[in-house]
Amino acid sequence: MQRKAYVPGVVALLAALLAGCTGGSSDTGSTDDANPGDAGTATAVAQPGKYDTLPEPCGAVSHGTLDTLLPGIRQITDTTQRDKAYEGEATLTYDTDRKAGCRWKVESTDATDHLFVDFERVVSYDNAVSDDAQAQELFGKKEEAADLPEASPSADASATADFSSSPSASPSASASSSSSASSSATPSSLLPRTLSDLGDEAFLNDVVSGSGSTAQQRTVTVAFRTSNVIVTIEYEEQPATIGTVPDSKEMQDRARKLASGLADTLAG
């Protein structure tokens, strides 16, 4: 029987087809091995916050600042007791690199003053959420809880107008004013508000508690966030004389100056 001979052109065509199949298989394999999701996951890990430790709060406030905020310290004649008053009392904490605070309480002939300074370093345990973003969320909740009044041009104008007429009010009328710093007799510049010149974000709250028949205590709170650290200052004063209301501007100025100094300490 005569064998059939292969045509050279057919052989070449078959060889080309086989080479094409082999190359396609190899390309497919390399595509499967490269997982686009791997690169995306690696770049999605959020960066840690700027701070990995905290200042020592009882040592973060200078003696000069304490003399201003707590006038009774200068009235303490016993050196040992005065030194103890300057030291303050550290708040209980189990990790001073995550949360640390200090309290001072000093009585004077005119009033009793309290000061509380708190540092909190926020750490996110979600790889997709940065420490800064987590701190920003927590600070937002803190500001929301303060329930600051909404600022509006009409409200500011009204508050200023009311303040301009307040000197004619009698002392008894002033003593029985609203327990909130947002009363109609308070100028808009002293109302609870957000602050734009402190840290990444900040706010100030100012509240008076008590009535004209009791000693009225004013509490000024300044809180700010710098990167992943939240700082809270609470400054309280309760006069010794019934019906006396602590001065809002004076207390706010003192608290804001302290906050600015602490922000500089963190930045340094």
C-alpha atoms as a PDB file:
ATOM      1  CA  MET A   1       0.000   0.000   0.000  1.00  0.00           C
ATOM      2  CA  GLN A   2       1.351   3.418  -0.908  1.00  0.00           C
ATOM      3  CA  ARG A   3       1.809   5.782   2.085  1.00  0.00           C
ATOM      4  CA  LYS A   4       0.436   9.290   1.931  1.00  0.00           C
ATOM      5  CA  ALA A   5       3.045  12.026   2.127  1.00  0.00           C
ATOM      6  CA  TYR A   6       2.465  15.103   4.361  1.00  0.00           C
ATOM      7  CA  VAL A   7       2.373  18.388   2.622  1.00  0.00           C
ATOM      8  CA  PRO A   8       5.090  20.692   4.030  1.00  0.00           C
ATOM      9  CA  GLY A   9       2.669  23.639   4.260  1.00  0.00           C
ATOM     10  CA  VAL A  10       0.305  21.664   6.443  1.00  0.00           C
ATOM     11  CA  VAL A  11       3.123  20.711   8.794  1.00  0.00           C
ATOM     12  CA  ALA A  12       4.152  24.341   9.169  1.00  0.00           C
ATOM     13  CA  LEU A  13       0.550  25.369   9.897  1.00  0.00           C
ATOM     14  CA  LEU A  14       0.196  22.729  12.618  1.00  0.00           C
ATOM     15  CA  ALA A  15       3.456  23.840  14.236  1.00  0.00           C
ATOM     16  CA  ALA A  16       2.289  27.445  14.328  1.00  0.00           C
ATOM     17  CA  LEU A  17      -1.043  26.483  15.886  1.00  0.00           C
ATOM     18  CA  LEU A  18       0.679  24.434  18.588  1.00  0.00           C
ATOM     19  CA  ALA A  19       3.030  27.291  19.403  1.00  0.00           C
ATOM     20  CA  GLY A  20       0.084  29.678  19.700  1.00  0.00           C
ATOM     21  CA  CYS A  21      -1.758  27.396  22.110  1.00  0.00           C
ATOM     22  CA  THR A  22       1.312  26.999  24.277  1.00  0.00           C
ATOM     23  CA  GLY A  23       1.865  30.761  24.449  1.00  0.00           C
ATOM     24  CA  GLY A  24      -1.787  31.414  25.354  1.00  0.00           C
ATOM     25  CA  SER A  25      -1.642  28.898  28.131  1.00  0.00           C
ATOM     26  CA  SER A  26       1.457  30.572  29.544  1.00  0.00           C
ATOM     27  CA  ASP A  27      -0.102  34.029  29.373  1.00  0.00           C
ATOM     28  CA  THR A  28      -3.212  32.799  31.143  1.00  0.00           C
ATOM     29  CA  GLY A  29      -1.105  31.283  33.890  1.00  0.00           C
ATOM     30  CA  SER A  30       0.807  34.496  34.510  1.00  0.00           C
ATOM     31  CA  THR A  31      -2.434  36.469  34.702  1.00  0.00           C
ATOM     32  CA  ASP A  32      -3.860  34.095  37.289  1.00  0.00           C
ATOM     33  CA  ASP A  33      -0.715  34.307  39.426  1.00  0.00           C
ATOM     34  CA  ALA A  34      -0.832  38.126  39.655  1.00  0.00           C
ATOM     35  CA  ASN A  35      -3.649  39.034  42.046  1.00  0.00           C
ATOM     36  CA  PRO A  36      -4.590  42.714  41.646  1.00  0.00           C
ATOM     37  CA  GLY A  37      -6.180  42.637  45.077  1.00  0.00           C
ATOM     38  CA  ASP A  38      -2.824  42.018  46.771  1.00  0.00           C
ATOM     39  CA  ALA A  39      -1.365  45.371  45.755  1.00  0.00           C
ATOM     40  CA  GLY A  40      -4.595  47.166  46.671  1.00  0.00           C
ATOM     41  CA  THR A  41      -4.656  45.614  50.111  1.00  0.00           C
ATOM     42  CA  ALA A  42      -1.057  46.603  50.809  1.00  0.00           C
ATOM     43  CA  THR A  43      -1.626  50.252  49.942  1.00  0.00           C
ATOM     44  CA  ALA A  44      -4.905  50.403  51.894  1.00  0.00           C
ATOM     45  CA  VAL A  45      -3.205  49.998  55.298  1.00  0.00           C
ATOM     46  CA  ALA A  46      -3.660  53.339  57.099  1.00  0.00           C
ATOM     47  CA  GLN A  47      -0.711  55.265  58.477  1.00  0.00           C
ATOM     48  CA  PRO A  48      -0.177  55.482  62.262  1.00  0.00           C
ATOM     49  CA  GLY A  49      -0.752  58.776  64.069  1.00  0.00           C
ATOM     50  CA  LYS A  50       1.936  61.377  64.683  1.00  0.00           C
ATOM     51  CA  TYR A  51       2.162  60.671  68.413  1.00  0.00           C
ATOM     52  CA  ASP A  52       3.125  57.413  70.101  1.00  0.00           C
ATOM     53  CA  THR A  53       3.412  58.802  73.625  1.00  0.00           C
ATOM     54  CA  LEU A  54       1.936  61.564  75.825  1.00  0.00           C
ATOM     55  CA  PRO A  55       3.328  64.403  77.974  1.00  0.00           C
ATOM     56  CA  GLU A  56       3.246  64.000  81.748  1.00  0.00           C
ATOM     57  CA  PRO A  57       0.152  66.133  82.556  1.00  0.00           C
ATOM     58  CA  CYS A  58       1.010  67.178  86.121  1.00  0.00           C
ATOM     59  CA  GLY A  59       4.302  68.557  84.844  1.00  0.00           C
ATOM     60  CA  ALA A  60       2.888  70.075  81.663  1.00  0.00           C
ATOM     61  CA  VAL A  61       1.475  73.170  83.418  1.00  0.00           C
ATOM     62  CA  SER A  62       4.018  75.691  84.661  1.00  0.00           C
ATOM     63  CA  HIS A  63       3.940  77.187  88.157  1.00  0.00           C
ATOM     64  CA  GLY A  64       3.329  80.616  86.663  1.00  0.00           C
ATOM     65  CA  THR A  65       0.270  79.361  84.792  1.00  0.00           C
ATOM     66  CA  LEU A  66      -1.039  77.660  87.922  1.00  0.00           C
ATOM     67  CA  ASP A  67      -0.551  80.910  89.860  1.00  0.00           C
ATOM     68  CA  THR A  68      -2.851  82.624  87.344  1.00  0.00           C
ATOM     69  CA  LEU A  69      -5.534  79.940  87.124  1.00  0.00           C
ATOM     70  CA  LEU A  70      -5.450  79.043  90.811  1.00  0.00           C
ATOM     71  CA  PRO A  71      -4.814  82.303  92.729  1.00  0.00           C
ATOM     72  CA  GLY A  72      -5.166  80.529  96.063  1.00  0.00           C
ATOM     73  CA  ILE A  73      -1.765  78.869  95.581  1.00  0.00           C
ATOM     74  CA  ARG A  74      -0.011  82.164  96.252  1.00  0.00           C
ATOM     75  CA  GLN A  75      -1.975  82.517  99.485  1.00  0.00           C
ATOM     76  CA  ILE A  76      -0.589  79.262 100.906  1.00  0.00           C
ATOM     77  CA  THR A  77       2.051  80.251 103.409  1.00  0.00           C
ATOM     78  CA  ASP A  78       3.314  76.757 104.212  1.00  0.00           C
ATOM     79  CA  THR A  79       5.995  75.870 101.668  1.00  0.00           C
ATOM     80  CA  THR A  80       5.320  72.130 101.814  1.00  0.00           C
ATOM     81  CA  GLN A  81       1.607  72.579 101.245  1.00  0.00           C
ATOM     82  CA  ARG A  82       2.241  75.031  98.424  1.00  0.00           C
ATOM     83  CA  ASP A  83       4.577  72.582  96.695  1.00  0.00           C
ATOM     84  CA  LYS A  84       1.951  69.873  97.037  1.00  0.00           C
ATOM     85  CA  ALA A  85      -0.668  72.177  95.507  1.00  0.00           C
ATOM     86  CA  TYR A  86       1.615  72.793  92.526  1.00  0.00           C
ATOM     87  CA  GLU A  87       2.121  69.043  92.023  1.00  0.00           C
ATOM     88  CA  GLY A  88      -1.547  68.304  91.455  1.00  0.00           C
ATOM     89  CA  GLU A  89      -3.029  64.817  91.579  1.00  0.00           C
ATOM     90  CA  ALA A  90      -2.583  62.407  88.681  1.00  0.00           C
ATOM     91  CA  THR A  91      -5.721  60.610  87.533  1.00  0.00           C
ATOM     92  CA  LEU A  92      -5.808  56.827  87.689  1.00  0.00           C
ATOM     93  CA  THR A  93      -4.742  55.243  84.411  1.00  0.00           C
ATOM     94  CA  TYR A  94      -3.366  51.871  83.325  1.00  0.00           C
ATOM     95  CA  ASP A  95      -1.412  53.116  80.306  1.00  0.00           C
ATOM     96  CA  THR A  96       0.063  56.609  80.507  1.00  0.00           C
ATOM     97  CA  ASP A  97       1.006  56.433  76.820  1.00  0.00           C
ATOM     98  CA  ARG A  98      -2.681  56.183  75.928  1.00  0.00           C
ATOM     99  CA  LYS A  99      -4.439  58.353  78.536  1.00  0.00           C
ATOM    100  CA  ALA A 100      -3.143  60.618  81.283  1.00  0.00           C
ATOM    101  CA  GLY A 101      -4.603  63.442  83.345  1.00  0.00           C
ATOM    102  CA  CYS A 102      -4.021  65.685  86.350  1.00  0.00           C
ATOM    103  CA  ARG A 103      -6.283  67.616  88.743  1.00  0.00           C
ATOM    104  CA  TRP A 104      -5.688  70.663  90.910  1.00  0.00           C
ATOM    105  CA  LYS A 105      -8.011  72.142  93.542  1.00  0.00           C
ATOM    106  CA  VAL A 106      -7.089  75.260  95.498  1.00  0.00           C
ATOM    107  CA  GLU A 107      -9.145  77.434  97.834  1.00  0.00           C
ATOM    108  CA  SER A 108      -8.594  81.156  98.254  1.00  0.00           C
ATOM    109  CA  THR A 109     -10.322  83.890 100.237  1.00  0.00           C
ATOM    110  CA  ASP A 110     -12.479  84.726  97.197  1.00  0.00           C
ATOM    111  CA  ALA A 111     -13.203  81.373  95.533  1.00  0.00           C
ATOM    112  CA  THR A 112     -12.391  77.717  95.063  1.00  0.00           C
ATOM    113  CA  ASP A 113     -10.727  76.906  91.737  1.00  0.00           C
ATOM    114  CA  HIS A 114     -10.455  73.544  89.997  1.00  0.00           C
ATOM    115  CA  LEU A 115      -8.295  72.641  87.005  1.00  0.00           C
ATOM    116  CA  PHE A 116      -8.311  69.375  85.078  1.00  0.00           C
ATOM    117  CA  VAL A 117      -6.016  68.561  82.157  1.00  0.00           C
ATOM    118  CA  ASP A 118      -6.500  65.356  80.177  1.00  0.00           C
ATOM    119  CA  PHE A 119      -4.475  63.862  77.316  1.00  0.00           C
ATOM    120  CA  GLU A 120      -5.802  60.994  75.196  1.00  0.00           C
ATOM    121  CA  ARG A 121      -3.807  59.309  72.429  1.00  0.00           C
ATOM    122  CA  VAL A 122      -6.122  57.582  69.968  1.00  0.00           C
ATOM    123  CA  VAL A 123      -5.067  54.356  68.278  1.00  0.00           C
ATOM    124  CA  SER A 124      -7.113  52.712  65.531  1.00  0.00           C
ATOM    125  CA  TYR A 125      -7.243  48.938  65.456  1.00  0.00           C
ATOM    126  CA  ASP A 126      -8.716  48.928  61.952  1.00  0.00           C
ATOM    127  CA  ASN A 127      -6.024  48.757  59.252  1.00  0.00           C
ATOM    128  CA  ALA A 128      -8.304  50.692  56.909  1.00  0.00           C
ATOM    129  CA  VAL A 129      -8.780  53.581  59.386  1.00  0.00           C
ATOM    130  CA  SER A 130      -5.873  55.814  60.382  1.00  0.00           C
ATOM    131  CA  ASP A 131      -5.244  56.935  63.952  1.00  0.00           C
ATOM    132  CA  ASP A 132      -5.960  60.525  62.856  1.00  0.00           C
ATOM    133  CA  ALA A 133      -9.294  59.563  61.314  1.00  0.00           C
ATOM    134  CA  GLN A 134     -10.280  57.635  64.442  1.00  0.00           C
ATOM    135  CA  ALA A 135      -9.326  60.625  66.634  1.00  0.00           C
ATOM    136  CA  GLN A 136     -11.295  62.950  64.375  1.00  0.00           C
ATOM    137  CA  GLU A 137     -14.389  60.776  64.778  1.00  0.00           C
ATOM    138  CA  LEU A 138     -14.054  60.659  68.571  1.00  0.00           C
ATOM    139  CA  PHE A 139     -13.491  64.409  68.761  1.00  0.00           C
ATOM    140  CA  GLY A 140     -16.595  64.979  66.658  1.00  0.00           C
ATOM    141  CA  LYS A 141     -18.662  63.004  69.167  1.00  0.00           C
ATOM    142  CA  LYS A 142     -17.121  64.997  72.017  1.00  0.00           C
ATOM    143  CA  GLU A 143     -18.044  68.266  70.334  1.00  0.00           C
ATOM    144  CA  GLU A 144     -21.553  67.003  69.602  1.00  0.00           C
ATOM    145  CA  ALA A 145     -22.011  66.072  73.267  1.00  0.00           C
ATOM    146  CA  ALA A 146     -21.066  69.643  74.237  1.00  0.00           C
ATOM    147  CA  ASP A 147     -24.185  70.793  72.370  1.00  0.00           C
ATOM    148  CA  LEU A 148     -22.708  74.081  71.225  1.00  0.00           C
ATOM    149  CA  PRO A 149     -25.207  76.675  69.985  1.00  0.00           C
ATOM    150  CA  GLU A 150     -25.387  77.179  66.234  1.00  0.00           C
ATOM    151  CA  ALA A 151     -23.753  80.444  65.279  1.00  0.00           C
ATOM    152  CA  SER A 152     -25.700  82.779  63.008  1.00  0.00           C
ATOM    153  CA  PRO A 153     -25.237  86.466  62.086  1.00  0.00           C
ATOM    154  CA  SER A 154     -28.628  87.401  63.505  1.00  0.00           C
ATOM    155  CA  ALA A 155     -27.959  85.581  66.768  1.00  0.00           C
ATOM    156  CA  ASP A 156     -24.549  87.251  67.090  1.00  0.00           C
ATOM    157  CA  ALA A 157     -26.009  90.688  66.475  1.00  0.00           C
ATOM    158  CA  SER A 158     -28.765  90.082  68.992  1.00  0.00           C
ATOM    159  CA  ALA A 159     -26.320  88.859  71.623  1.00  0.00           C
ATOM    160  CA  THR A 160     -24.083  91.896  71.128  1.00  0.00           C
ATOM    161  CA  ALA A 161     -27.032  94.268  71.340  1.00  0.00           C
ATOM    162  CA  ASP A 162     -28.249  92.658  74.538  1.00  0.00           C
ATOM    163  CA  PHE A 163     -24.768  92.882  76.041  1.00  0.00           C
ATOM    164  CA  SER A 164     -24.484  96.594  75.279  1.00  0.00           C
ATOM    165  CA  SER A 165     -27.527  97.247  77.410  1.00  0.00           C
ATOM    166  CA  SER A 166     -26.559  94.884  80.223  1.00  0.00           C
ATOM    167  CA  PRO A 167     -24.704  97.473  82.413  1.00  0.00           C
ATOM    168  CA  SER A 168     -28.069  98.983  83.316  1.00  0.00           C
ATOM    169  CA  ALA A 169     -29.164  95.706  84.857  1.00  0.00           C
ATOM    170  CA  SER A 170     -29.154  95.538  88.637  1.00  0.00           C
ATOM    171  CA  PRO A 171     -26.742  93.187  90.490  1.00  0.00           C
ATOM    172  CA  SER A 172     -29.638  91.028  91.606  1.00  0.00           C
ATOM    173  CA  ALA A 173     -30.806  90.667  88.026  1.00  0.00           C
ATOM    174  CA  SER A 174     -27.285  89.670  86.971  1.00  0.00           C
ATOM    175  CA  ALA A 175     -27.099  87.089  89.730  1.00  0.00           C
ATOM    176  CA  SER A 176     -30.328  85.451  88.608  1.00  0.00           C
ATOM    177  CA  SER A 177     -29.353  85.289  84.942  1.00  0.00           C
ATOM    178  CA  SER A 178     -29.415  82.093  82.897  1.00  0.00           C
ATOM    179  CA  SER A 179     -27.199  79.206  83.997  1.00  0.00           C
ATOM    180  CA  SER A 180     -25.747  78.990  80.501  1.00  0.00           C
ATOM    181  CA  ALA A 181     -23.080  81.254  79.039  1.00  0.00           C
ATOM    182  CA  SER A 182     -25.305  81.556  75.972  1.00  0.00           C
ATOM    183  CA  SER A 183     -27.748  83.825  77.841  1.00  0.00           C
ATOM    184  CA  SER A 184     -28.914  87.006  76.142  1.00  0.00           C
ATOM    185  CA  ALA A 185     -26.515  89.081  78.309  1.00  0.00           C
ATOM    186  CA  THR A 186     -23.443  87.287  76.907  1.00  0.00           C
ATOM    187  CA  PRO A 187     -21.626  88.795  73.909  1.00  0.00           C
ATOM    188  CA  SER A 188     -21.249  86.546  70.905  1.00  0.00           C
ATOM    189  CA  SER A 189     -17.462  86.489  71.320  1.00  0.00           C
ATOM    190  CA  LEU A 190     -17.886  84.641  74.626  1.00  0.00           C
ATOM    191  CA  LEU A 191     -20.554  82.142  73.617  1.00  0.00           C
ATOM    192  CA  PRO A 192     -19.679  78.427  73.468  1.00  0.00           C
ATOM    193  CA  ARG A 193     -18.141  77.960  70.032  1.00  0.00           C
ATOM    194  CA  THR A 194     -15.632  76.199  67.807  1.00  0.00           C
ATOM    195  CA  LEU A 195     -12.090  77.601  67.685  1.00  0.00           C
ATOM    196  CA  SER A 196     -10.103  77.925  64.481  1.00  0.00           C
ATOM    197  CA  ASP A 197      -6.713  78.861  65.920  1.00  0.00           C
ATOM    198  CA  LEU A 198      -5.993  75.802  68.038  1.00  0.00           C
ATOM    199  CA  GLY A 199      -4.752  72.408  66.849  1.00  0.00           C
ATOM    200  CA  ASP A 200      -6.454  70.673  63.930  1.00  0.00           C
ATOM    201  CA  GLU A 201      -9.874  71.388  65.434  1.00  0.00           C
ATOM    202  CA  ALA A 202     -11.094  72.773  68.754  1.00  0.00           C
ATOM    203  CA  PHE A 203     -14.078  74.073  70.682  1.00  0.00           C
ATOM    204  CA  LEU A 204     -14.841  76.028  73.850  1.00  0.00           C
ATOM    205  CA  ASN A 205     -17.792  75.558  76.181  1.00  0.00           C
ATOM    206  CA  ASP A 206     -18.837  77.861  79.039  1.00  0.00           C
ATOM    207  CA  VAL A 207     -21.561  76.952  81.525  1.00  0.00           C
ATOM    208  CA  VAL A 208     -22.736  78.464  84.798  1.00  0.00           C
ATOM    209  CA  SER A 209     -24.517  76.285  87.352  1.00  0.00           C
ATOM    210  CA  GLY A 210     -26.425  77.374  90.431  1.00  0.00           C
ATOM    211  CA  SER A 211     -28.823  80.238  91.089  1.00  0.00           C
ATOM    212  CA  GLY A 212     -28.813  83.660  92.695  1.00  0.00           C
ATOM    213  CA  SER A 213     -29.467  82.151  96.120  1.00  0.00           C
ATOM    214  CA  THR A 214     -26.381  79.914  95.973  1.00  0.00           C
ATOM    215  CA  ALA A 215     -22.769  80.281  94.926  1.00  0.00           C
ATOM    216  CA  GLN A 216     -22.655  80.024  91.138  1.00  0.00           C
ATOM    217  CA  GLN A 217     -19.946  77.880  89.595  1.00  0.00           C
ATOM    218  CA  ARG A 218     -18.632  78.585  86.125  1.00  0.00           C
ATOM    219  CA  THR A 219     -17.005  75.805  84.107  1.00  0.00           C
ATOM    220  CA  VAL A 220     -14.985  76.640  81.016  1.00  0.00           C
ATOM    221  CA  THR A 221     -13.969  73.696  78.847  1.00  0.00           C
ATOM    222  CA  VAL A 222     -11.452  73.920  76.020  1.00  0.00           C
ATOM    223  CA  ALA A 223     -10.865  70.783  73.947  1.00  0.00           C
ATOM    224  CA  PHE A 224      -8.685  70.388  70.895  1.00  0.00           C
ATOM    225  CA  ARG A 225      -7.254  67.676  68.651  1.00  0.00           C
ATOM    226  CA  THR A 226      -3.758  67.566  67.214  1.00  0.00           C
ATOM    227  CA  SER A 227      -3.294  64.574  64.915  1.00  0.00           C
ATOM    228  CA  ASN A 228      -4.205  61.534  67.039  1.00  0.00           C
ATOM    229  CA  VAL A 229      -4.090  63.269  70.454  1.00  0.00           C
ATOM    230  CA  ILE A 230      -7.133  64.881  72.089  1.00  0.00           C
ATOM    231  CA  VAL A 231      -6.539  67.396  74.885  1.00  0.00           C
ATOM    232  CA  THR A 232      -9.286  68.516  77.272  1.00  0.00           C
ATOM    233  CA  ILE A 233      -9.042  71.357  79.788  1.00  0.00           C
ATOM    234  CA  GLU A 234     -11.743  71.948  82.400  1.00  0.00           C
ATOM    235  CA  TYR A 235     -11.415  75.118  84.462  1.00  0.00           C
ATOM    236  CA  GLU A 236     -13.955  75.720  87.239  1.00  0.00           C
ATOM    237  CA  GLU A 237     -14.425  78.494  89.750  1.00  0.00           C
ATOM    238  CA  GLN A 238     -16.933  78.774  92.574  1.00  0.00           C
ATOM    239  CA  PRO A 239     -16.946  82.134  94.396  1.00  0.00           C
ATOM    240  CA  ALA A 240     -17.111  82.255  98.172  1.00  0.00           C
ATOM    241  CA  THR A 241     -19.772  84.957  98.023  1.00  0.00           C
ATOM    242  CA  ILE A 242     -23.366  83.976  97.187  1.00  0.00           C
ATOM    243  CA  GLY A 243     -24.717  85.705  94.109  1.00  0.00           C
ATOM    244  CA  THR A 244     -21.285  86.358  92.605  1.00  0.00           C
ATOM    245  CA  VAL A 245     -20.733  85.024  89.079  1.00  0.00           C
ATOM    246  CA  PRO A 246     -17.170  84.268  87.918  1.00  0.00           C
ATOM    247  CA  ASP A 247     -16.045  86.420  85.008  1.00  0.00           C
ATOM    248  CA  SER A 248     -16.515  84.626  81.698  1.00  0.00           C
ATOM    249  CA  LYS A 249     -13.909  86.467  79.628  1.00  0.00           C
ATOM    250  CA  GLU A 250     -11.228  86.169  82.274  1.00  0.00           C
ATOM    251  CA  MET A 251     -11.723  82.422  82.676  1.00  0.00           C
ATOM    252  CA  GLN A 252     -11.940  81.812  78.933  1.00  0.00           C
ATOM    253  CA  ASP A 253      -8.750  83.780  78.295  1.00  0.00           C
ATOM    254  CA  ARG A 254      -6.893  81.806  80.950  1.00  0.00           C
ATOM    255  CA  ALA A 255      -8.113  78.430  79.665  1.00  0.00           C
ATOM    256  CA  ARG A 256      -7.326  79.292  76.042  1.00  0.00           C
ATOM    257  CA  LYS A 257      -3.835  80.471  76.939  1.00  0.00           C
ATOM    258  CA  LEU A 258      -3.188  77.185  78.738  1.00  0.00           C
ATOM    259  CA  ALA A 259      -4.532  75.231  75.759  1.00  0.00           C
ATOM    260  CA  SER A 260      -2.235  77.139  73.411  1.00  0.00           C
ATOM    261  CA  GLY A 261       0.737  76.327  75.624  1.00  0.00           C
ATOM    262  CA  LEU A 262      -0.138  72.620  75.694  1.00  0.00           C
ATOM    263  CA  ALA A 263      -0.520  72.612  71.898  1.00  0.00           C
ATOM    264  CA  ASP A 264       2.990  74.099  71.650  1.00  0.00           C
ATOM    265  CA  THR A 265       4.276  71.381  73.995  1.00  0.00           C
ATOM    266  CA  LEU A 266       2.866  68.691  71.714  1.00  0.00           C
ATOM    267  CA  ALA A 267       4.252  70.385  68.616  1.00  0.00           C
ATOM    268  CA  GLY A 268       7.686  70.751  70.179  1.00  0.00           C
END
